PDB file of all heavy atoms in Angstrom:
ATOM      1  N   GLU A   1      11.309  -9.825   1.084  1.00  0.00           N
ATOM      2  CA  GLU A   1      10.692  -8.787   1.912  1.00  0.00           C
ATOM      3  C   GLU A   1       9.179  -8.855   1.812  1.00  0.00           C
ATOM      4  O   GLU A   1       8.630  -9.481   0.906  1.00  0.00           O
ATOM      5  CB  GLU A   1      11.126  -7.397   1.435  1.00  0.00           C
ATOM      6  CG  GLU A   1      12.601  -7.133   1.454  1.00  0.00           C
ATOM      7  CD  GLU A   1      12.951  -5.772   0.864  1.00  0.00           C
ATOM      8  OE1 GLU A   1      12.222  -4.793   1.143  1.00  0.00           O
ATOM      9  OE2 GLU A   1      13.936  -5.702   0.109  1.00  0.00           O
ATOM     10  N   ILE A   2       8.532  -8.135   2.719  1.00  0.00           N
ATOM     11  CA  ILE A   2       7.104  -7.891   2.573  1.00  0.00           C
ATOM     12  C   ILE A   2       6.945  -6.685   1.640  1.00  0.00           C
ATOM     13  O   ILE A   2       7.853  -5.866   1.527  1.00  0.00           O
ATOM     14  CB  ILE A   2       6.420  -7.638   3.932  1.00  0.00           C
ATOM     15  CG1 ILE A   2       7.045  -6.452   4.662  1.00  0.00           C
ATOM     16  CG2 ILE A   2       6.434  -8.902   4.784  1.00  0.00           C
ATOM     17  CD1 ILE A   2       6.323  -6.048   5.952  1.00  0.00           C
ATOM     18  N   PRO A   3       5.823  -6.562   0.939  1.00  0.00           N
ATOM     19  CA  PRO A   3       5.602  -5.395   0.088  1.00  0.00           C
ATOM     20  C   PRO A   3       5.583  -4.105   0.906  1.00  0.00           C
ATOM     21  O   PRO A   3       5.033  -4.064   2.009  1.00  0.00           O
ATOM     22  CB  PRO A   3       4.220  -5.652  -0.532  1.00  0.00           C
ATOM     23  CG  PRO A   3       4.006  -7.122  -0.390  1.00  0.00           C
ATOM     24  CD  PRO A   3       4.732  -7.533   0.850  1.00  0.00           C
ATOM     25  N   ALA A   4       6.200  -3.053   0.354  1.00  0.00           N
ATOM     26  CA  ALA A   4       6.286  -1.788   1.086  1.00  0.00           C
ATOM     27  C   ALA A   4       6.615  -0.660   0.130  1.00  0.00           C
ATOM     28  O   ALA A   4       7.082  -0.895  -0.985  1.00  0.00           O
ATOM     29  CB  ALA A   4       7.368  -1.876   2.160  1.00  0.00           C
ATOM     30  N   GLY A   5       6.394   0.558   0.595  1.00  0.00           N
ATOM     31  CA  GLY A   5       6.771   1.722  -0.192  1.00  0.00           C
ATOM     32  C   GLY A   5       6.476   3.012   0.541  1.00  0.00           C
ATOM     33  O   GLY A   5       5.759   3.029   1.550  1.00  0.00           O
ATOM     34  N   ALA A   6       7.044   4.079   0.011  1.00  0.00           N
ATOM     35  CA  ALA A   6       6.863   5.407   0.601  1.00  0.00           C
ATOM     36  C   ALA A   6       5.473   5.952   0.281  1.00  0.00           C
ATOM     37  O   ALA A   6       4.878   5.626  -0.755  1.00  0.00           O
ATOM     38  CB  ALA A   6       7.932   6.372   0.071  1.00  0.00           C
ATOM     39  N   ARG A   7       4.993   6.796   1.173  1.00  0.00           N
ATOM     40  CA  ARG A   7       3.729   7.491   0.911  1.00  0.00           C
ATOM     41  C   ARG A   7       3.929   8.440  -0.268  1.00  0.00           C
ATOM     42  O   ARG A   7       5.026   8.949  -0.483  1.00  0.00           O
ATOM     43  CB  ARG A   7       3.281   8.282   2.140  1.00  0.00           C
ATOM     44  CG  ARG A   7       2.978   7.405   3.333  1.00  0.00           C
ATOM     45  CD  ARG A   7       2.392   8.186   4.493  1.00  0.00           C
ATOM     46  NE  ARG A   7       3.284   9.241   4.941  1.00  0.00           N
ATOM     47  CZ  ARG A   7       2.944  10.180   5.825  1.00  0.00           C
ATOM     48  NH1 ARG A   7       1.739  10.219   6.326  1.00  0.00           N
ATOM     49  NH2 ARG A   7       3.817  11.096   6.192  1.00  0.00           N
ATOM     50  N   ASP A   8       2.870   8.690  -1.009  1.00  0.00           N
ATOM     51  CA  ASP A   8       2.941   9.627  -2.130  1.00  0.00           C
ATOM     52  C   ASP A   8       3.145  11.061  -1.659  1.00  0.00           C
ATOM     53  O   ASP A   8       3.744  11.870  -2.355  1.00  0.00           O
ATOM     54  CB  ASP A   8       1.679   9.547  -2.996  1.00  0.00           C
ATOM     55  CG  ASP A   8       1.675   8.331  -3.911  1.00  0.00           C
ATOM     56  OD1 ASP A   8       2.741   7.690  -4.079  1.00  0.00           O
ATOM     57  OD2 ASP A   8       0.606   8.023  -4.471  1.00  0.00           O
ATOM     58  N   HIS A   9       2.630  11.390  -0.487  1.00  0.00           N
ATOM     59  CA  HIS A   9       2.777  12.720   0.107  1.00  0.00           C
ATOM     60  C   HIS A   9       2.571  12.584   1.612  1.00  0.00           C
ATOM     61  O   HIS A   9       2.050  11.572   2.086  1.00  0.00           O
ATOM     62  CB  HIS A   9       1.787  13.726  -0.502  1.00  0.00           C
ATOM     63  CG  HIS A   9       0.375  13.228  -0.521  1.00  0.00           C
ATOM     64  ND1 HIS A   9      -0.446  13.290   0.567  1.00  0.00           N
ATOM     65  CD2 HIS A   9      -0.339  12.641  -1.518  1.00  0.00           C
ATOM     66  CE1 HIS A   9      -1.626  12.759   0.258  1.00  0.00           C
ATOM     67  NE2 HIS A   9      -1.588  12.348  -0.985  1.00  0.00           N
ATOM     68  N   THR A  10       2.983  13.576   2.359  1.00  0.00           N
ATOM     69  CA  THR A  10       2.974  13.478   3.820  1.00  0.00           C
ATOM     70  C   THR A  10       1.572  13.378   4.419  1.00  0.00           C
ATOM     71  O   THR A  10       1.431  12.913   5.545  1.00  0.00           O
ATOM     72  CB  THR A  10       3.707  14.672   4.462  1.00  0.00           C
ATOM     73  OG1 THR A  10       3.087  15.885   4.032  1.00  0.00           O
ATOM     74  CG2 THR A  10       5.175  14.678   4.090  1.00  0.00           C
ATOM     75  N   ALA A  11       0.554  13.769   3.692  1.00  0.00           N
ATOM     76  CA  ALA A  11      -0.808  13.689   4.219  1.00  0.00           C
ATOM     77  C   ALA A  11      -1.494  12.365   3.870  1.00  0.00           C
ATOM     78  O   ALA A  11      -2.601  12.106   4.340  1.00  0.00           O
ATOM     79  CB  ALA A  11      -1.646  14.857   3.693  1.00  0.00           C
ATOM     80  N   GLU A  12      -0.825  11.530   3.056  1.00  0.00           N
ATOM     81  CA  GLU A  12      -1.452  10.267   2.666  1.00  0.00           C
ATOM     82  C   GLU A  12      -1.551   9.330   3.866  1.00  0.00           C
ATOM     83  O   GLU A  12      -0.571   9.100   4.585  1.00  0.00           O
ATOM     84  CB  GLU A  12      -0.659   9.580   1.554  1.00  0.00           C
ATOM     85  CG  GLU A  12      -1.302   8.283   1.098  1.00  0.00           C
ATOM     86  CD  GLU A  12      -0.539   7.576  -0.004  1.00  0.00           C
ATOM     87  OE1 GLU A  12       0.712   7.577   0.031  1.00  0.00           O
ATOM     88  OE2 GLU A  12      -1.199   7.030  -0.893  1.00  0.00           O
ATOM     89  N   ASP A  13      -2.730   8.776   4.082  1.00  0.00           N
ATOM     90  CA  ASP A  13      -2.943   7.793   5.137  1.00  0.00           C
ATOM     91  C   ASP A  13      -2.095   6.561   4.824  1.00  0.00           C
ATOM     92  O   ASP A  13      -2.092   6.076   3.694  1.00  0.00           O
ATOM     93  CB  ASP A  13      -4.426   7.434   5.182  1.00  0.00           C
ATOM     94  CG  ASP A  13      -4.787   6.536   6.346  1.00  0.00           C
ATOM     95  OD1 ASP A  13      -4.137   5.481   6.519  1.00  0.00           O
ATOM     96  OD2 ASP A  13      -5.732   6.870   7.065  1.00  0.00           O
ATOM     97  N   THR A  14      -1.392   6.041   5.831  1.00  0.00           N
ATOM     98  CA  THR A  14      -0.525   4.890   5.579  1.00  0.00           C
ATOM     99  C   THR A  14      -1.322   3.648   5.180  1.00  0.00           C
ATOM    100  O   THR A  14      -0.803   2.789   4.473  1.00  0.00           O
ATOM    101  CB  THR A  14       0.360   4.579   6.800  1.00  0.00           C
ATOM    102  OG1 THR A  14      -0.465   4.372   7.948  1.00  0.00           O
ATOM    103  CG2 THR A  14       1.371   5.688   7.042  1.00  0.00           C
ATOM    104  N   LYS A  15      -2.571   3.565   5.582  1.00  0.00           N
ATOM    105  CA  LYS A  15      -3.408   2.435   5.171  1.00  0.00           C
ATOM    106  C   LYS A  15      -3.665   2.485   3.665  1.00  0.00           C
ATOM    107  O   LYS A  15      -3.643   1.456   2.991  1.00  0.00           O
ATOM    108  CB  LYS A  15      -4.727   2.440   5.952  1.00  0.00           C
ATOM    109  CG  LYS A  15      -5.560   1.205   5.753  1.00  0.00           C
ATOM    110  CD  LYS A  15      -6.753   1.202   6.700  1.00  0.00           C
ATOM    111  CE  LYS A  15      -7.499  -0.112   6.640  1.00  0.00           C
ATOM    112  NZ  LYS A  15      -8.620  -0.132   7.598  1.00  0.00           N
ATOM    113  N   VAL A  16      -3.866   3.678   3.134  1.00  0.00           N
ATOM    114  CA  VAL A  16      -4.040   3.864   1.691  1.00  0.00           C
ATOM    115  C   VAL A  16      -2.749   3.478   0.967  1.00  0.00           C
ATOM    116  O   VAL A  16      -2.766   2.796  -0.055  1.00  0.00           O
ATOM    117  CB  VAL A  16      -4.459   5.316   1.368  1.00  0.00           C
ATOM    118  CG1 VAL A  16      -4.434   5.588  -0.132  1.00  0.00           C
ATOM    119  CG2 VAL A  16      -5.831   5.624   1.964  1.00  0.00           C
ATOM    120  N   CYS A  17      -1.622   3.915   1.522  1.00  0.00           N
ATOM    121  CA  CYS A  17      -0.318   3.593   0.950  1.00  0.00           C
ATOM    122  C   CYS A  17      -0.091   2.082   0.951  1.00  0.00           C
ATOM    123  O   CYS A  17       0.357   1.507  -0.046  1.00  0.00           O
ATOM    124  CB  CYS A  17       0.778   4.309   1.727  1.00  0.00           C
ATOM    125  SG  CYS A  17       2.455   3.947   1.166  1.00  0.00           S
ATOM    126  N   ALA A  18      -0.390   1.421   2.061  1.00  0.00           N
ATOM    127  CA  ALA A  18      -0.198  -0.029   2.159  1.00  0.00           C
ATOM    128  C   ALA A  18      -1.044  -0.765   1.126  1.00  0.00           C
ATOM    129  O   ALA A  18      -0.560  -1.693   0.459  1.00  0.00           O
ATOM    130  CB  ALA A  18      -0.530  -0.515   3.569  1.00  0.00           C
ATOM    131  N   ALA A  19      -2.296  -0.354   0.969  1.00  0.00           N
ATOM    132  CA  ALA A  19      -3.179  -0.989  -0.019  1.00  0.00           C
ATOM    133  C   ALA A  19      -2.642  -0.793  -1.433  1.00  0.00           C
ATOM    134  O   ALA A  19      -2.648  -1.727  -2.254  1.00  0.00           O
ATOM    135  CB  ALA A  19      -4.594  -0.415   0.107  1.00  0.00           C
ATOM    136  N   ARG A  20      -2.159   0.402  -1.722  1.00  0.00           N
ATOM    137  CA  ARG A  20      -1.602   0.696  -3.053  1.00  0.00           C
ATOM    138  C   ARG A  20      -0.359  -0.149  -3.319  1.00  0.00           C
ATOM    139  O   ARG A  20      -0.215  -0.759  -4.384  1.00  0.00           O
ATOM    140  CB  ARG A  20      -1.274   2.176  -3.176  1.00  0.00           C
ATOM    141  CG  ARG A  20      -0.716   2.540  -4.562  1.00  0.00           C
ATOM    142  CD  ARG A  20      -0.219   3.967  -4.668  1.00  0.00           C
ATOM    143  NE  ARG A  20       0.941   4.207  -3.821  1.00  0.00           N
ATOM    144  CZ  ARG A  20       0.944   4.962  -2.728  1.00  0.00           C
ATOM    145  NH1 ARG A  20      -0.139   5.601  -2.354  1.00  0.00           N
ATOM    146  NH2 ARG A  20       2.044   5.120  -2.012  1.00  0.00           N
ATOM    147  N   GLU A  21       0.564  -0.180  -2.352  1.00  0.00           N
ATOM    148  CA  GLU A  21       1.802  -0.941  -2.526  1.00  0.00           C
ATOM    149  C   GLU A  21       1.520  -2.434  -2.679  1.00  0.00           C
ATOM    150  O   GLU A  21       2.183  -3.111  -3.466  1.00  0.00           O
ATOM    151  CB  GLU A  21       2.762  -0.678  -1.362  1.00  0.00           C
ATOM    152  CG  GLU A  21       3.326   0.724  -1.348  1.00  0.00           C
ATOM    153  CD  GLU A  21       4.197   1.050  -2.564  1.00  0.00           C
ATOM    154  OE1 GLU A  21       4.868   0.141  -3.101  1.00  0.00           O
ATOM    155  OE2 GLU A  21       4.206   2.213  -2.978  1.00  0.00           O
ATOM    156  N   LEU A  22       0.554  -2.949  -1.929  1.00  0.00           N
ATOM    157  CA  LEU A  22       0.173  -4.355  -2.064  1.00  0.00           C
ATOM    158  C   LEU A  22      -0.232  -4.668  -3.495  1.00  0.00           C
ATOM    159  O   LEU A  22       0.269  -5.615  -4.106  1.00  0.00           O
ATOM    160  CB  LEU A  22      -0.970  -4.697  -1.103  1.00  0.00           C
ATOM    161  CG  LEU A  22      -1.571  -6.098  -1.263  1.00  0.00           C
ATOM    162  CD1 LEU A  22      -0.554  -7.167  -0.896  1.00  0.00           C
ATOM    163  CD2 LEU A  22      -2.832  -6.224  -0.416  1.00  0.00           C
ATOM    164  N   GLU A  23      -1.116  -3.847  -4.052  1.00  0.00           N
ATOM    165  CA  GLU A  23      -1.586  -4.115  -5.411  1.00  0.00           C
ATOM    166  C   GLU A  23      -0.498  -3.870  -6.446  1.00  0.00           C
ATOM    167  O   GLU A  23      -0.324  -4.660  -7.379  1.00  0.00           O
ATOM    168  CB  GLU A  23      -2.821  -3.273  -5.736  1.00  0.00           C
ATOM    169  CG  GLU A  23      -3.427  -3.654  -7.076  1.00  0.00           C
ATOM    170  CD  GLU A  23      -4.787  -3.048  -7.347  1.00  0.00           C
ATOM    171  OE1 GLU A  23      -5.236  -2.198  -6.552  1.00  0.00           O
ATOM    172  OE2 GLU A  23      -5.388  -3.433  -8.362  1.00  0.00           O
ATOM    173  N   GLU A  24       0.258  -2.780  -6.294  1.00  0.00           N
ATOM    174  CA  GLU A  24       1.323  -2.482  -7.265  1.00  0.00           C
ATOM    175  C   GLU A  24       2.352  -3.605  -7.329  1.00  0.00           C
ATOM    176  O   GLU A  24       2.782  -3.996  -8.404  1.00  0.00           O
ATOM    177  CB  GLU A  24       2.049  -1.183  -6.887  1.00  0.00           C
ATOM    178  CG  GLU A  24       1.311   0.077  -7.239  1.00  0.00           C
ATOM    179  CD  GLU A  24       2.094   1.329  -6.854  1.00  0.00           C
ATOM    180  OE1 GLU A  24       3.267   1.224  -6.423  1.00  0.00           O
ATOM    181  OE2 GLU A  24       1.530   2.422  -6.976  1.00  0.00           O
ATOM    182  N   GLU A  25       2.779  -4.099  -6.164  1.00  0.00           N
ATOM    183  CA  GLU A  25       3.876  -5.059  -6.126  1.00  0.00           C
ATOM    184  C   GLU A  25       3.443  -6.509  -6.297  1.00  0.00           C
ATOM    185  O   GLU A  25       4.212  -7.328  -6.800  1.00  0.00           O
ATOM    186  CB  GLU A  25       4.676  -4.902  -4.833  1.00  0.00           C
ATOM    187  CG  GLU A  25       5.409  -3.576  -4.770  1.00  0.00           C
ATOM    188  CD  GLU A  25       6.330  -3.447  -3.562  1.00  0.00           C
ATOM    189  OE1 GLU A  25       6.480  -4.428  -2.802  1.00  0.00           O
ATOM    190  OE2 GLU A  25       6.900  -2.355  -3.393  1.00  0.00           O
ATOM    191  N   THR A  26       2.214  -6.846  -5.870  1.00  0.00           N
ATOM    192  CA  THR A  26       1.796  -8.252  -5.916  1.00  0.00           C
ATOM    193  C   THR A  26       0.656  -8.531  -6.884  1.00  0.00           C
ATOM    194  O   THR A  26       0.438  -9.681  -7.250  1.00  0.00           O
ATOM    195  CB  THR A  26       1.347  -8.741  -4.520  1.00  0.00           C
ATOM    196  OG1 THR A  26       0.101  -8.120  -4.180  1.00  0.00           O
ATOM    197  CG2 THR A  26       2.403  -8.459  -3.466  1.00  0.00           C
ATOM    198  N   GLY A  27      -0.101  -7.514  -7.238  1.00  0.00           N
ATOM    199  CA  GLY A  27      -1.263  -7.735  -8.089  1.00  0.00           C
ATOM    200  C   GLY A  27      -2.495  -8.171  -7.308  1.00  0.00           C
ATOM    201  O   GLY A  27      -3.473  -8.621  -7.900  1.00  0.00           O
ATOM    202  N   TYR A  28      -2.459  -8.028  -5.979  1.00  0.00           N
ATOM    203  CA  TYR A  28      -3.606  -8.380  -5.143  1.00  0.00           C
ATOM    204  C   TYR A  28      -4.128  -7.164  -4.401  1.00  0.00           C
ATOM    205  O   TYR A  28      -3.371  -6.280  -4.023  1.00  0.00           O
ATOM    206  CB  TYR A  28      -3.227  -9.446  -4.098  1.00  0.00           C
ATOM    207  CG  TYR A  28      -3.075 -10.820  -4.677  1.00  0.00           C
ATOM    208  CD1 TYR A  28      -1.834 -11.276  -5.092  1.00  0.00           C
ATOM    209  CD2 TYR A  28      -4.179 -11.667  -4.804  1.00  0.00           C
ATOM    210  CE1 TYR A  28      -1.678 -12.540  -5.629  1.00  0.00           C
ATOM    211  CE2 TYR A  28      -4.035 -12.935  -5.339  1.00  0.00           C
ATOM    212  CZ  TYR A  28      -2.787 -13.370  -5.753  1.00  0.00           C
ATOM    213  OH  TYR A  28      -2.645 -14.619  -6.278  1.00  0.00           O
ATOM    214  N   ARG A  29      -5.460  -7.169  -4.197  1.00  0.00           N
ATOM    215  CA  ARG A  29      -6.117  -6.206  -3.326  1.00  0.00           C
ATOM    216  C   ARG A  29      -6.566  -6.952  -2.077  1.00  0.00           C
ATOM    217  O   ARG A  29      -6.779  -8.153  -2.120  1.00  0.00           O
ATOM    218  CB  ARG A  29      -7.347  -5.604  -4.011  1.00  0.00           C
ATOM    219  CG  ARG A  29      -6.982  -4.553  -5.026  1.00  0.00           C
ATOM    220  CD  ARG A  29      -8.227  -3.864  -5.549  1.00  0.00           C
ATOM    221  NE  ARG A  29      -8.310  -4.211  -6.964  1.00  0.00           N
ATOM    222  CZ  ARG A  29      -9.376  -4.633  -7.602  1.00  0.00           C
ATOM    223  NH1 ARG A  29     -10.520  -4.752  -6.971  1.00  0.00           N
ATOM    224  NH2 ARG A  29      -9.329  -4.926  -8.859  1.00  0.00           N
ATOM    225  N   SER A  30      -6.714  -6.213  -1.008  1.00  0.00           N
ATOM    226  CA  SER A  30      -7.100  -6.827   0.259  1.00  0.00           C
ATOM    227  C   SER A  30      -8.544  -6.492   0.587  1.00  0.00           C
ATOM    228  O   SER A  30      -8.945  -5.330   0.548  1.00  0.00           O
ATOM    229  CB  SER A  30      -6.192  -6.313   1.376  1.00  0.00           C
ATOM    230  OG  SER A  30      -6.636  -6.801   2.622  1.00  0.00           O
ATOM    231  N   GLY A  31      -9.313  -7.517   0.944  1.00  0.00           N
ATOM    232  CA  GLY A  31     -10.671  -7.295   1.432  1.00  0.00           C
ATOM    233  C   GLY A  31     -10.671  -6.827   2.873  1.00  0.00           C
ATOM    234  O   GLY A  31     -11.636  -6.248   3.353  1.00  0.00           O
ATOM    235  N   ARG A  32      -9.561  -7.082   3.572  1.00  0.00           N
ATOM    236  CA  ARG A  32      -9.437  -6.654   4.977  1.00  0.00           C
ATOM    237  C   ARG A  32      -7.993  -6.271   5.244  1.00  0.00           C
ATOM    238  O   ARG A  32      -7.087  -7.076   5.101  1.00  0.00           O
ATOM    239  CB  ARG A  32      -9.865  -7.787   5.902  1.00  0.00           C
ATOM    240  CG  ARG A  32      -9.833  -7.390   7.351  1.00  0.00           C
ATOM    241  CD  ARG A  32     -10.537  -8.411   8.209  1.00  0.00           C
ATOM    242  NE  ARG A  32     -10.521  -7.953   9.585  1.00  0.00           N
ATOM    243  CZ  ARG A  32     -10.214  -8.732  10.603  1.00  0.00           C
ATOM    244  NH1 ARG A  32      -9.939 -10.000  10.400  1.00  0.00           N
ATOM    245  NH2 ARG A  32     -10.201  -8.241  11.817  1.00  0.00           N
ATOM    246  N   LEU A  33      -7.785  -5.026   5.630  1.00  0.00           N
ATOM    247  CA  LEU A  33      -6.457  -4.491   5.924  1.00  0.00           C
ATOM    248  C   LEU A  33      -6.469  -3.985   7.361  1.00  0.00           C
ATOM    249  O   LEU A  33      -7.188  -3.043   7.685  1.00  0.00           O
ATOM    250  CB  LEU A  33      -6.146  -3.363   4.937  1.00  0.00           C
ATOM    251  CG  LEU A  33      -4.703  -2.948   4.741  1.00  0.00           C
ATOM    252  CD1 LEU A  33      -3.840  -4.111   4.291  1.00  0.00           C
ATOM    253  CD2 LEU A  33      -4.630  -1.825   3.709  1.00  0.00           C
TER     254      LEU A  33
END
């Protein structure tokens, strides 16, 4: 699969969630999302 996960809360921006899940699951941060 591609890295993914649920938002921490309903007001969390999905871009923030995507960046967090990327780092949590792969150990990488993105310079451009």
